[in-house]
């Protein structure tokens, strides 16, 4: 997949384009991606057009954390079969483009759009004045095909990134995963920790440091699924600052991977959170921490055996 970012200079042709923020990469978004892949089979270049930051972060000076970082989103889109991912810089000048100029100067002239796929509530251009009605009018005037995807409902409510974000913030990981196309994931390299897991607790762990703008569920212990080199493993993950361990504190994801004994330092892994077990706790000693970690691991093994047939 070709990843366009940190630049406004690009030129493509014969594309089918999906327009949106796509923060959650949820089941509603998948309906849009399905249309891209359908037209890809007809010879079009499947293209996702998004932005390098949540627009509200710039327009209203907010600090909105993202469900998926650019690195994570890029990997997930590539796995879906998307050909081009454009993460356009959301500059002041870009934010002031009229809806009409955005369609003409960006989508038509620079992406080479021939088919456009949007959600039925899409808004674009200066002050989000662009909408589906304008696109219907412009599609006739500029001869491109417009496909409008209605909002998906699950469990009596619209599937949206906002809904998923709220569930994640409350620690309702299983409910959030029902709305996501794949379970909530933390993707990134394994970094060196303090080695207490391996040397003291006899439970070696893989440590990741998420990006600062990554939205994480509450600190705690989660049943997890790990993907590495096209293989699937299961384990138990802790999100937090490891309060029992002395030393410098930083937010991290620490995962004990079952039946795994490989050196994966500096290698990228996917850690998917499947089930919330308990909050992060400070223990009176490393021995007490070790006992709890083994209990957590046993719980996770039993959970996986019950819910995943391919686990052995």
Foldseek 3Di string as FASTA:
>chain_A
DAEADPDPDAAAAQAEEEEDACQQQWPQVVVQQVVRVVVVVVPHQREYEHAQDPVCCPPVVDQAFTLDHPVRVVVVCVVSPHRYYYHHYPDPVQLQFAPVCCCVVPVCGGHNHQEYEYEQAAFDHHVSPDGPVVVVVVCVVVVHHYHYRYFDDDPHDTQDPVVLLVCQQAVVQQVSCVGHPHFRKAKDFFADDPCCCCPPLVQDKTKDAGDPSHRGHAFAKFWKWKDDPNDIWTWMKTWAFQVQDDDDTDTIIITRTPPDDDDRGRHMMMIGGNGGDTHDDHDPHVVVVSVVRVVSGVVSLVVCVVPPVPDD
